[in-house]
């Protein structure tokens, strides 16, 4: 069985497909992203920051509640984490 999409390079190894020609190396690489219909990079960054802010705001009531109910345990755990030597 022959596959028409592979007829031009049927018996060549994959290494032969890599071109050693460096004459076109001065041309900048062409980026095809974002694809049509995708949001712009700035929009993605904005939404990412917005999601992180929302998650931090959701964690705020838990942190305030923990500080009110058991302030010693919360502060002790944070102090222990701050005193641990970072891995080298």
PDB file of N, CA and C in Angstrom:
ATOM      1  N   UNK A   1       0.844  -1.171   0.000  1.00  0.00           N
ATOM      2  CA  UNK A   1       0.000   0.000   0.000  1.00  0.00           C
ATOM      3  C   UNK A   1       0.890   1.235   0.000  1.00  0.00           C
ATOM      4  N   UNK A   2       0.568   2.207  -0.797  1.00  0.00           N
ATOM      5  CA  UNK A   2       1.328   3.455  -0.875  1.00  0.00           C
ATOM      6  C   UNK A   2       0.490   4.591  -0.291  1.00  0.00           C
ATOM      7  N   UNK A   3       1.185   5.415   0.433  1.00  0.00           N
ATOM      8  CA  UNK A   3       0.543   6.588   1.004  1.00  0.00           C
ATOM      9  C   UNK A   3       0.955   7.799   0.184  1.00  0.00           C
ATOM     10  N   UNK A   4       0.032   8.492  -0.432  1.00  0.00           N
ATOM     11  CA  UNK A   4       0.399   9.583  -1.345  1.00  0.00           C
ATOM     12  C   UNK A   4       1.122  10.739  -0.651  1.00  0.00           C
ATOM     13  N   UNK A   5       0.868  10.965   0.623  1.00  0.00           N
ATOM     14  CA  UNK A   5       1.519  12.083   1.291  1.00  0.00           C
ATOM     15  C   UNK A   5       2.977  11.805   1.608  1.00  0.00           C
ATOM     16  N   UNK A   6       3.431  10.534   1.477  1.00  0.00           N
ATOM     17  CA  UNK A   6       4.810  10.191   1.784  1.00  0.00           C
ATOM     18  C   UNK A   6       5.594   9.738   0.558  1.00  0.00           C
ATOM     19  N   UNK A   7       5.073   9.922  -0.630  1.00  0.00           N
ATOM     20  CA  UNK A   7       5.747   9.397  -1.820  1.00  0.00           C
ATOM     21  C   UNK A   7       7.050  10.127  -2.129  1.00  0.00           C
ATOM     22  N   UNK A   8       7.167  11.416  -1.829  1.00  0.00           N
ATOM     23  CA  UNK A   8       8.377  12.146  -2.171  1.00  0.00           C
ATOM     24  C   UNK A   8       9.549  11.810  -1.249  1.00  0.00           C
ATOM     25  N   UNK A   9       9.312  11.319  -0.076  1.00  0.00           N
ATOM     26  CA  UNK A   9      10.383  11.002   0.860  1.00  0.00           C
ATOM     27  C   UNK A   9      10.224   9.587   1.423  1.00  0.00           C
ATOM     28  N   UNK A  10       9.839   8.694   0.581  1.00  0.00           N
ATOM     29  CA  UNK A  10       9.482   7.348   1.015  1.00  0.00           C
ATOM     30  C   UNK A  10      10.658   6.592   1.630  1.00  0.00           C
ATOM     31  N   UNK A  11      11.837   6.651   1.017  1.00  0.00           N
ATOM     32  CA  UNK A  11      12.943   5.856   1.509  1.00  0.00           C
ATOM     33  C   UNK A  11      14.031   6.687   2.188  1.00  0.00           C
ATOM     34  N   UNK A  12      13.795   7.958   2.425  1.00  0.00           N
ATOM     35  CA  UNK A  12      14.819   8.774   3.065  1.00  0.00           C
ATOM     36  C   UNK A  12      14.624   8.739   4.585  1.00  0.00           C
ATOM     37  N   UNK A  13      15.716   8.647   5.330  1.00  0.00           N
ATOM     38  CA  UNK A  13      15.587   8.677   6.790  1.00  0.00           C
ATOM     39  C   UNK A  13      15.188  10.067   7.254  1.00  0.00           C
ATOM     40  N   UNK A  14      14.746  10.150   8.488  1.00  0.00           N
ATOM     41  CA  UNK A  14      14.271  11.437   8.995  1.00  0.00           C
ATOM     42  C   UNK A  14      15.398  12.458   9.072  1.00  0.00           C
ATOM     43  N   UNK A  15      16.647  12.014   9.208  1.00  0.00           N
ATOM     44  CA  UNK A  15      17.764  12.950   9.277  1.00  0.00           C
ATOM     45  C   UNK A  15      17.923  13.688   7.958  1.00  0.00           C
ATOM     46  N   UNK A  16      17.626  13.033   6.862  1.00  0.00           N
ATOM     47  CA  UNK A  16      17.750  13.672   5.556  1.00  0.00           C
ATOM     48  C   UNK A  16      16.705  14.768   5.371  1.00  0.00           C
ATOM     49  N   UNK A  17      15.675  14.760   6.180  1.00  0.00           N
ATOM     50  CA  UNK A  17      14.641  15.778   6.057  1.00  0.00           C
ATOM     51  C   UNK A  17      15.093  17.111   6.637  1.00  0.00           C
ATOM     52  N   UNK A  18      16.119  17.093   7.496  1.00  0.00           N
ATOM     53  CA  UNK A  18      16.624  18.317   8.092  1.00  0.00           C
ATOM     54  C   UNK A  18      17.571  18.978   7.106  1.00  0.00           C
ATOM     55  N   UNK A  19      17.320  20.202   6.790  1.00  0.00           N
ATOM     56  CA  UNK A  19      18.132  20.908   5.806  1.00  0.00           C
ATOM     57  C   UNK A  19      19.368  21.494   6.476  1.00  0.00           C
ATOM     58  N   UNK A  20      20.512  21.368   5.810  1.00  0.00           N
ATOM     59  CA  UNK A  20      21.746  21.950   6.316  1.00  0.00           C
ATOM     60  C   UNK A  20      21.974  23.328   5.723  1.00  0.00           C
ATOM     61  N   UNK A  21      21.032  23.824   4.957  1.00  0.00           N
ATOM     62  CA  UNK A  21      21.163  25.125   4.314  1.00  0.00           C
ATOM     63  C   UNK A  21      20.972  26.224   5.352  1.00  0.00           C
ATOM     64  N   UNK A  22      21.970  27.079   5.512  1.00  0.00           N
ATOM     65  CA  UNK A  22      21.876  28.173   6.482  1.00  0.00           C
ATOM     66  C   UNK A  22      21.719  29.518   5.800  1.00  0.00           C
ATOM     67  N   UNK A  23      21.501  29.539   4.490  1.00  0.00           N
ATOM     68  CA  UNK A  23      21.365  30.812   3.773  1.00  0.00           C
ATOM     69  C   UNK A  23      20.118  31.558   4.232  1.00  0.00           C
ATOM     70  N   UNK A  24      19.068  30.855   4.563  1.00  0.00           N
ATOM     71  CA  UNK A  24      17.837  31.500   5.000  1.00  0.00           C
ATOM     72  C   UNK A  24      17.776  31.722   6.495  1.00  0.00           C
ATOM     73  N   UNK A  25      18.881  31.542   7.204  1.00  0.00           N
ATOM     74  CA  UNK A  25      18.883  31.675   8.661  1.00  0.00           C
ATOM     75  C   UNK A  25      18.682  33.120   9.099  1.00  0.00           C
ATOM     76  N   UNK A  26      18.953  34.083   8.226  1.00  0.00           N
ATOM     77  CA  UNK A  26      18.817  35.488   8.607  1.00  0.00           C
ATOM     78  C   UNK A  26      17.353  35.918   8.666  1.00  0.00           C
ATOM     79  N   UNK A  27      16.473  35.170   8.057  1.00  0.00           N
ATOM     80  CA  UNK A  27      15.057  35.527   8.072  1.00  0.00           C
ATOM     81  C   UNK A  27      14.474  35.247   9.454  1.00  0.00           C
ATOM     82  N   UNK A  28      13.682  36.164   9.985  1.00  0.00           N
ATOM     83  CA  UNK A  28      13.089  35.932  11.310  1.00  0.00           C
ATOM     84  C   UNK A  28      12.063  34.805  11.236  1.00  0.00           C
ATOM     85  N   UNK A  29      11.931  34.054  12.318  1.00  0.00           N
ATOM     86  CA  UNK A  29      10.936  32.981  12.316  1.00  0.00           C
ATOM     87  C   UNK A  29       9.523  33.553  12.238  1.00  0.00           C
ATOM     88  N   UNK A  30       8.671  32.872  11.541  1.00  0.00           N
ATOM     89  CA  UNK A  30       7.299  33.322  11.366  1.00  0.00           C
ATOM     90  C   UNK A  30       6.434  32.673  12.435  1.00  0.00           C
ATOM     91  N   UNK A  31       5.678  33.474  13.131  1.00  0.00           N
ATOM     92  CA  UNK A  31       4.788  32.961  14.165  1.00  0.00           C
ATOM     93  C   UNK A  31       3.358  32.978  13.628  1.00  0.00           C
ATOM     94  N   UNK A  32       2.671  31.884  13.813  1.00  0.00           N
ATOM     95  CA  UNK A  32       1.288  31.779  13.360  1.00  0.00           C
ATOM     96  C   UNK A  32       0.316  31.894  14.532  1.00  0.00           C
ATOM     97  N   UNK A  33       0.810  32.314  15.684  1.00  0.00           N
ATOM     98  CA  UNK A  33      -0.029  32.421  16.861  1.00  0.00           C
ATOM     99  C   UNK A  33      -0.227  33.882  17.210  1.00  0.00           C
ATOM    100  N   UNK A  34      -1.329  34.276  17.729  1.00  0.00           N
ATOM    101  CA  UNK A  34      -2.493  33.470  18.007  1.00  0.00           C
ATOM    102  C   UNK A  34      -3.266  33.149  16.728  1.00  0.00           C
ATOM    103  N   UNK A  35      -3.856  32.004  16.713  1.00  0.00           N
ATOM    104  CA  UNK A  35      -4.655  31.589  15.571  1.00  0.00           C
ATOM    105  C   UNK A  35      -5.914  32.434  15.476  1.00  0.00           C
ATOM    106  N   UNK A  36      -6.536  32.470  14.313  1.00  0.00           N
ATOM    107  CA  UNK A  36      -7.769  33.250  14.181  1.00  0.00           C
ATOM    108  C   UNK A  36      -8.831  32.771  15.172  1.00  0.00           C
ATOM    109  N   UNK A  37      -9.413  33.702  15.869  1.00  0.00           N
ATOM    110  CA  UNK A  37     -10.437  33.377  16.850  1.00  0.00           C
ATOM    111  C   UNK A  37      -9.897  33.238  18.259  1.00  0.00           C
ATOM    112  N   UNK A  38      -8.587  33.167  18.419  1.00  0.00           N
ATOM    113  CA  UNK A  38      -7.987  33.077  19.752  1.00  0.00           C
ATOM    114  C   UNK A  38      -7.856  34.482  20.328  1.00  0.00           C
ATOM    115  N   UNK A  39      -7.878  34.591  21.669  1.00  0.00           N
ATOM    116  CA  UNK A  39      -7.683  35.921  22.260  1.00  0.00           C
ATOM    117  C   UNK A  39      -6.226  36.361  22.145  1.00  0.00           C
ATOM    118  N   UNK A  40      -6.014  37.639  22.208  1.00  0.00           N
ATOM    119  CA  UNK A  40      -4.660  38.197  22.134  1.00  0.00           C
ATOM    120  C   UNK A  40      -3.881  37.854  23.402  1.00  0.00           C
ATOM    121  N   UNK A  41      -2.550  37.912  23.320  1.00  0.00           N
ATOM    122  CA  UNK A  41      -1.695  37.576  24.467  1.00  0.00           C
ATOM    123  C   UNK A  41      -1.992  38.485  25.661  1.00  0.00           C
ATOM    124  N   UNK A  42      -2.220  39.753  25.403  1.00  0.00           N
ATOM    125  CA  UNK A  42      -2.512  40.680  26.505  1.00  0.00           C
ATOM    126  C   UNK A  42      -3.817  40.312  27.205  1.00  0.00           C
ATOM    127  N   UNK A  43      -4.796  39.838  26.464  1.00  0.00           N
ATOM    128  CA  UNK A  43      -6.066  39.424  27.054  1.00  0.00           C
ATOM    129  C   UNK A  43      -5.879  38.196  27.929  1.00  0.00           C
ATOM    130  N   UNK A  44      -5.069  37.256  27.471  1.00  0.00           N
ATOM    131  CA  UNK A  44      -4.812  36.045  28.250  1.00  0.00           C
ATOM    132  C   UNK A  44      -4.093  36.396  29.555  1.00  0.00           C
ATOM    133  N   UNK A  45      -3.101  37.286  29.483  1.00  0.00           N
ATOM    134  CA  UNK A  45      -2.381  37.699  30.687  1.00  0.00           C
ATOM    135  C   UNK A  45      -3.311  38.418  31.657  1.00  0.00           C
ATOM    136  N   UNK A  46      -4.175  39.274  31.143  1.00  0.00           N
ATOM    137  CA  UNK A  46      -5.119  39.991  31.994  1.00  0.00           C
ATOM    138  C   UNK A  46      -6.066  39.027  32.692  1.00  0.00           C
ATOM    139  N   UNK A  47      -6.602  38.069  31.945  1.00  0.00           N
ATOM    140  CA  UNK A  47      -7.526  37.111  32.548  1.00  0.00           C
ATOM    141  C   UNK A  47      -6.822  36.223  33.563  1.00  0.00           C
ATOM    142  N   UNK A  48      -5.564  35.873  33.317  1.00  0.00           N
ATOM    143  CA  UNK A  48      -4.806  35.073  34.276  1.00  0.00           C
ATOM    144  C   UNK A  48      -4.634  35.835  35.586  1.00  0.00           C
ATOM    145  N   UNK A  49      -4.273  37.100  35.490  1.00  0.00           N
ATOM    146  CA  UNK A  49      -4.127  37.915  36.699  1.00  0.00           C
ATOM    147  C   UNK A  49      -5.459  38.086  37.415  1.00  0.00           C
ATOM    148  N   UNK A  50      -6.514  38.218  36.657  1.00  0.00           N
ATOM    149  CA  UNK A  50      -7.845  38.353  37.248  1.00  0.00           C
ATOM    150  C   UNK A  50      -8.252  37.082  37.993  1.00  0.00           C
ATOM    151  N   UNK A  51      -7.952  35.928  37.437  1.00  0.00           N
ATOM    152  CA  UNK A  51      -8.274  34.650  38.089  1.00  0.00           C
ATOM    153  C   UNK A  51      -7.462  34.489  39.372  1.00  0.00           C
ATOM    154  N   UNK A  52      -6.175  34.825  39.332  1.00  0.00           N
ATOM    155  CA  UNK A  52      -5.341  34.733  40.537  1.00  0.00           C
ATOM    156  C   UNK A  52      -5.865  35.680  41.616  1.00  0.00           C
ATOM    157  N   UNK A  53      -6.229  36.877  41.240  1.00  0.00           N
ATOM    158  CA  UNK A  53      -6.788  37.822  42.206  1.00  0.00           C
ATOM    159  C   UNK A  53      -8.075  37.282  42.814  1.00  0.00           C
ATOM    160  N   UNK A  54      -8.939  36.693  41.996  1.00  0.00           N
ATOM    161  CA  UNK A  54     -10.167  36.101  42.500  1.00  0.00           C
ATOM    162  C   UNK A  54      -9.908  34.969  43.481  1.00  0.00           C
ATOM    163  N   UNK A  55      -8.925  34.126  43.179  1.00  0.00           N
ATOM    164  CA  UNK A  55      -8.599  33.039  44.106  1.00  0.00           C
ATOM    165  C   UNK A  55      -8.032  33.566  45.418  1.00  0.00           C
ATOM    166  N   UNK A  56      -7.232  34.612  45.332  1.00  0.00           N
ATOM    167  CA  UNK A  56      -6.705  35.205  46.567  1.00  0.00           C
ATOM    168  C   UNK A  56      -7.822  35.825  47.397  1.00  0.00           C
ATOM    169  N   UNK A  57      -8.775  36.451  46.737  1.00  0.00           N
ATOM    170  CA  UNK A  57      -9.904  37.021  47.470  1.00  0.00           C
ATOM    171  C   UNK A  57     -10.777  35.936  48.091  1.00  0.00           C
ATOM    172  N   UNK A  58     -10.891  34.790  47.433  1.00  0.00           N
ATOM    173  CA  UNK A  58     -11.652  33.681  48.014  1.00  0.00           C
ATOM    174  C   UNK A  58     -10.942  33.082  49.223  1.00  0.00           C
ATOM    175  N   UNK A  59      -9.609  33.132  49.252  1.00  0.00           N
ATOM    176  CA  UNK A  59      -8.857  32.587  50.375  1.00  0.00           C
ATOM    177  C   UNK A  59      -8.823  33.547  51.556  1.00  0.00           C
ATOM    178  N   UNK A  60      -9.126  34.810  51.332  1.00  0.00           N
ATOM    179  CA  UNK A  60      -9.050  35.801  52.396  1.00  0.00           C
ATOM    180  C   UNK A  60      -9.981  35.506  53.573  1.00  0.00           C
ATOM    181  N   UNK A  61     -11.244  35.143  53.376  1.00  0.00           N
ATOM    182  CA  UNK A  61     -12.096  34.830  54.540  1.00  0.00           C
ATOM    183  C   UNK A  61     -11.562  33.653  55.365  1.00  0.00           C
ATOM    184  N   UNK A  62     -10.991  32.656  54.713  1.00  0.00           N
ATOM    185  CA  UNK A  62     -10.423  31.524  55.442  1.00  0.00           C
ATOM    186  C   UNK A  62      -9.247  31.987  56.302  1.00  0.00           C
ATOM    187  N   UNK A  63      -8.373  32.804  55.729  1.00  0.00           N
ATOM    188  CA  UNK A  63      -7.212  33.281  56.467  1.00  0.00           C
ATOM    189  C   UNK A  63      -7.622  34.150  57.646  1.00  0.00           C
ATOM    190  N   UNK A  64      -8.577  35.046  57.441  1.00  0.00           N
ATOM    191  CA  UNK A  64      -9.047  35.909  58.525  1.00  0.00           C
ATOM    192  C   UNK A  64      -9.712  35.070  59.606  1.00  0.00           C
ATOM    193  N   UNK A  65     -10.516  34.098  59.194  1.00  0.00           N
ATOM    194  CA  UNK A  65     -11.170  33.212  60.173  1.00  0.00           C
ATOM    195  C   UNK A  65     -10.156  32.405  60.961  1.00  0.00           C
ATOM    196  N   UNK A  66      -9.141  31.905  60.297  1.00  0.00           N
ATOM    197  CA  UNK A  66      -8.115  31.126  60.992  1.00  0.00           C
ATOM    198  C   UNK A  66      -7.326  32.014  61.951  1.00  0.00           C
ATOM    199  N   UNK A  67      -7.072  33.247  61.568  1.00  0.00           N
ATOM    200  CA  UNK A  67      -6.360  34.168  62.461  1.00  0.00           C
ATOM    201  C   UNK A  67      -7.193  34.533  63.683  1.00  0.00           C
ATOM    202  N   UNK A  68      -8.504  34.609  63.529  1.00  0.00           N
ATOM    203  CA  UNK A  68      -9.371  34.941  64.655  1.00  0.00           C
ATOM    204  C   UNK A  68      -9.510  33.747  65.596  1.00  0.00           C
ATOM    205  N   UNK A  69      -9.723  32.540  65.034  1.00  0.00           N
ATOM    206  CA  UNK A  69      -9.989  31.356  65.852  1.00  0.00           C
ATOM    207  C   UNK A  69      -8.713  30.807  66.488  1.00  0.00           C
ATOM    208  N   UNK A  70      -7.657  30.677  65.738  1.00  0.00           N
ATOM    209  CA  UNK A  70      -6.411  30.090  66.246  1.00  0.00           C
ATOM    210  C   UNK A  70      -5.194  30.860  65.729  1.00  0.00           C
ATOM    211  N   UNK A  71      -4.981  32.065  66.243  1.00  0.00           N
ATOM    212  CA  UNK A  71      -3.894  32.891  65.719  1.00  0.00           C
ATOM    213  C   UNK A  71      -2.518  32.287  65.976  1.00  0.00           C
ATOM    214  N   UNK A  72      -2.333  31.625  67.091  1.00  0.00           N
ATOM    215  CA  UNK A  72      -1.030  31.050  67.410  1.00  0.00           C
ATOM    216  C   UNK A  72      -0.633  29.970  66.429  1.00  0.00           C
ATOM    217  N   UNK A  73      -1.568  29.117  66.058  1.00  0.00           N
ATOM    218  CA  UNK A  73      -1.260  28.010  65.151  1.00  0.00           C
ATOM    219  C   UNK A  73      -0.921  28.519  63.751  1.00  0.00           C
ATOM    220  N   UNK A  74      -1.642  29.517  63.299  1.00  0.00           N
ATOM    221  CA  UNK A  74      -1.393  30.054  61.959  1.00  0.00           C
ATOM    222  C   UNK A  74      -0.027  30.737  61.910  1.00  0.00           C
ATOM    223  N   UNK A  75       0.239  31.579  62.899  1.00  0.00           N
ATOM    224  CA  UNK A  75       1.505  32.304  62.916  1.00  0.00           C
ATOM    225  C   UNK A  75       2.683  31.366  63.175  1.00  0.00           C
ATOM    226  N   UNK A  76       2.474  30.348  63.998  1.00  0.00           N
ATOM    227  CA  UNK A  76       3.537  29.383  64.272  1.00  0.00           C
ATOM    228  C   UNK A  76       3.897  28.598  63.020  1.00  0.00           C
ATOM    229  N   UNK A  77       2.898  28.202  62.253  1.00  0.00           N
ATOM    230  CA  UNK A  77       3.152  27.474  61.011  1.00  0.00           C
ATOM    231  C   UNK A  77       3.888  28.336  59.999  1.00  0.00           C
ATOM    232  N   UNK A  78       3.528  29.606  59.906  1.00  0.00           N
ATOM    233  CA  UNK A  78       4.204  30.504  58.959  1.00  0.00           C
ATOM    234  C   UNK A  78       5.625  30.792  59.410  1.00  0.00           C
ATOM    235  N   UNK A  79       5.847  30.930  60.724  1.00  0.00           N
ATOM    236  CA  UNK A  79       7.191  31.186  61.228  1.00  0.00           C
ATOM    237  C   UNK A  79       8.087  29.973  60.973  1.00  0.00           C
ATOM    238  N   UNK A  80       7.545  28.782  61.156  1.00  0.00           N
ATOM    239  CA  UNK A  80       8.327  27.570  60.886  1.00  0.00           C
ATOM    240  C   UNK A  80       8.688  27.459  59.421  1.00  0.00           C
ATOM    241  N   UNK A  81       7.767  27.824  58.541  1.00  0.00           N
ATOM    242  CA  UNK A  81       8.048  27.767  57.107  1.00  0.00           C
ATOM    243  C   UNK A  81       9.088  28.811  56.715  1.00  0.00           C
ATOM    244  N   UNK A  82       9.078  29.953  57.388  1.00  0.00           N
ATOM    245  CA  UNK A  82      10.049  31.003  57.080  1.00  0.00           C
ATOM    246  C   UNK A  82      11.441  30.643  57.563  1.00  0.00           C
ATOM    247  N   UNK A  83      11.527  29.832  58.605  1.00  0.00           N
ATOM    248  CA  UNK A  83      12.825  29.485  59.167  1.00  0.00           C
ATOM    249  C   UNK A  83      13.473  28.287  58.478  1.00  0.00           C
ATOM    250  N   UNK A  84      12.718  27.569  57.687  1.00  0.00           N
ATOM    251  CA  UNK A  84      13.273  26.403  56.988  1.00  0.00           C
ATOM    252  C   UNK A  84      14.240  26.883  55.923  1.00  0.00           C
ATOM    253  N   UNK A  85      15.393  26.257  55.878  1.00  0.00           N
ATOM    254  CA  UNK A  85      16.426  26.630  54.918  1.00  0.00           C
ATOM    255  C   UNK A  85      16.001  26.176  53.513  1.00  0.00           C
ATOM    256  N   UNK A  86      16.059  27.054  52.503  1.00  0.00           N
ATOM    257  CA  UNK A  86      15.647  26.631  51.146  1.00  0.00           C
ATOM    258  C   UNK A  86      16.625  25.602  50.591  1.00  0.00           C
ATOM    259  N   UNK A  87      16.121  24.680  49.762  1.00  0.00           N
ATOM    260  CA  UNK A  87      17.013  23.663  49.183  1.00  0.00           C
ATOM    261  C   UNK A  87      18.050  24.321  48.285  1.00  0.00           C
ATOM    262  N   UNK A  88      19.244  23.782  48.337  1.00  0.00           N
ATOM    263  CA  UNK A  88      20.340  24.355  47.536  1.00  0.00           C
ATOM    264  C   UNK A  88      20.321  23.880  46.112  1.00  0.00           C
TER     265      UNK A  88
END
